[in-house]
Amino acid sequence: MAKTLYFGNLPWAATSEDLHNAVSQYCEVISARIVTDRETGRSRGFGFVEVPDEAAQLVIDALNGAEWAGRPLTVNEARPRDGRANLGLPKKVQP
């Protein structure tokens, strides 16, 4: 099995490859991706890395609070997505 880790407060210039390389110093990386804005294509400052279960806590302990380009990282186990956030739009009413 694998666990997905959340990486927050990433430098805007960080790429998925940078994130992969940073985590691969501690364990095997299954996948790494930086979340980007759909319209501009620019980084949103966070990303996700998938690692083996047994390595997840090691990566969290090593990188949570560590500095990357002067920014303290937030690293924790990713929570399941609850679907799209309510953007203040009225819900559709079924007739």
Protein backbone atom coordinates (compact mmCIF):
# COMPACT_ATOMS: atom_id res chain seq x y z
CA MET A 1 0.00 0.00 0.00
CA ALA A 2 0.95 3.63 -0.37
CA LYS A 3 0.16 6.80 1.51
CA THR A 4 -0.32 10.23 0.04
CA LEU A 5 1.40 13.09 1.83
CA TYR A 6 0.38 16.74 1.62
CA PHE A 7 3.16 19.31 1.16
CA GLY A 8 2.13 22.88 1.88
CA ASN A 9 3.86 26.27 1.73
CA LEU A 10 5.99 25.21 -1.22
CA PRO A 11 8.02 27.86 -3.05
CA TRP A 12 6.13 29.11 -6.11
CA ALA A 13 9.01 28.05 -8.38
CA ALA A 14 9.05 24.43 -7.14
CA THR A 15 8.25 21.80 -9.74
CA SER A 16 6.94 18.25 -9.41
CA GLU A 17 10.45 17.04 -10.23
CA ASP A 18 11.90 19.21 -7.41
CA LEU A 19 9.37 17.74 -4.98
CA HIS A 20 10.14 14.20 -6.18
CA ASN A 21 13.88 14.78 -5.73
CA ALA A 22 13.47 16.25 -2.23
CA VAL A 23 11.45 13.28 -0.97
CA SER A 24 13.49 10.62 -2.79
CA GLN A 25 16.38 11.37 -0.41
CA TYR A 26 14.31 9.63 2.29
CA CYS A 27 12.41 6.88 0.47
CA GLU A 28 11.05 5.59 -2.80
CA VAL A 29 8.62 8.05 -4.41
CA ILE A 30 5.68 6.53 -6.24
CA SER A 31 4.40 9.85 -7.57
CA ALA A 32 4.76 13.57 -6.92
CA ARG A 33 2.74 16.48 -8.23
CA ILE A 34 2.40 20.20 -7.64
CA VAL A 35 -1.14 21.54 -7.82
CA THR A 36 -1.50 24.33 -10.37
CA ASP A 37 -4.14 26.92 -11.10
CA ARG A 38 -6.33 25.80 -14.01
CA GLU A 39 -6.46 29.22 -15.64
CA THR A 40 -2.89 30.48 -15.20
CA GLY A 41 -0.98 27.19 -14.90
CA ARG A 42 1.00 28.64 -11.96
CA SER A 43 1.71 26.71 -8.79
CA ARG A 44 -0.83 27.04 -5.98
CA GLY A 45 1.93 26.47 -3.41
CA PHE A 46 1.07 22.91 -2.42
CA GLY A 47 1.41 19.41 -3.72
CA PHE A 48 1.11 15.70 -3.01
CA VAL A 49 3.63 12.88 -2.86
CA GLU A 50 2.76 9.20 -2.77
CA VAL A 51 5.19 7.04 -0.76
CA PRO A 52 5.17 3.49 0.66
CA ASP A 53 3.17 3.16 3.92
CA GLU A 54 6.19 2.27 6.00
CA ALA A 55 8.10 5.40 4.88
CA ALA A 56 5.35 8.00 5.34
CA GLN A 57 6.11 8.87 8.98
CA LEU A 58 9.84 9.08 8.25
CA VAL A 59 9.22 11.65 5.52
CA ILE A 60 6.80 13.65 7.71
CA ASP A 61 9.30 13.70 10.61
CA ALA A 62 12.17 14.71 8.33
CA LEU A 63 10.48 17.41 6.25
CA ASN A 64 7.63 18.93 8.31
CA GLY A 65 8.92 22.35 9.38
CA ALA A 66 12.05 22.09 7.23
CA GLU A 67 12.90 25.17 5.18
CA TRP A 68 12.79 25.19 1.40
CA ALA A 69 13.86 28.47 -0.21
CA GLY A 70 13.26 30.23 3.11
CA ARG A 71 9.75 28.83 3.55
CA PRO A 72 8.85 26.37 6.34
CA LEU A 73 7.16 23.31 4.84
CA THR A 74 3.97 21.78 6.16
CA VAL A 75 4.00 18.02 5.62
CA ASN A 76 1.31 15.64 6.82
CA GLU A 77 -0.81 12.74 5.66
CA ALA A 78 -3.27 13.93 3.04
CA ARG A 79 -6.92 13.78 3.98
CA PRO A 80 -9.51 12.34 1.58
CA ARG A 81 -11.10 14.92 -0.65
CA ASP A 82 -14.67 15.84 0.34
CA GLY A 83 -15.62 16.79 -3.18
CA ARG A 84 -15.71 20.32 -4.46
CA ALA A 85 -15.93 23.08 -1.92
CA ASN A 86 -19.11 25.10 -1.76
CA LEU A 87 -18.20 28.27 -3.63
CA GLY A 88 -21.17 30.20 -2.32
CA LEU A 89 -23.27 29.23 -5.30
CA PRO A 90 -26.87 28.20 -4.70
CA LYS A 91 -27.52 24.49 -4.94
CA LYS A 92 -29.62 23.28 -7.82
CA VAL A 93 -33.14 22.48 -6.75
CA GLN A 94 -34.61 19.29 -8.16
CA PRO A 95 -38.10 19.87 -9.62
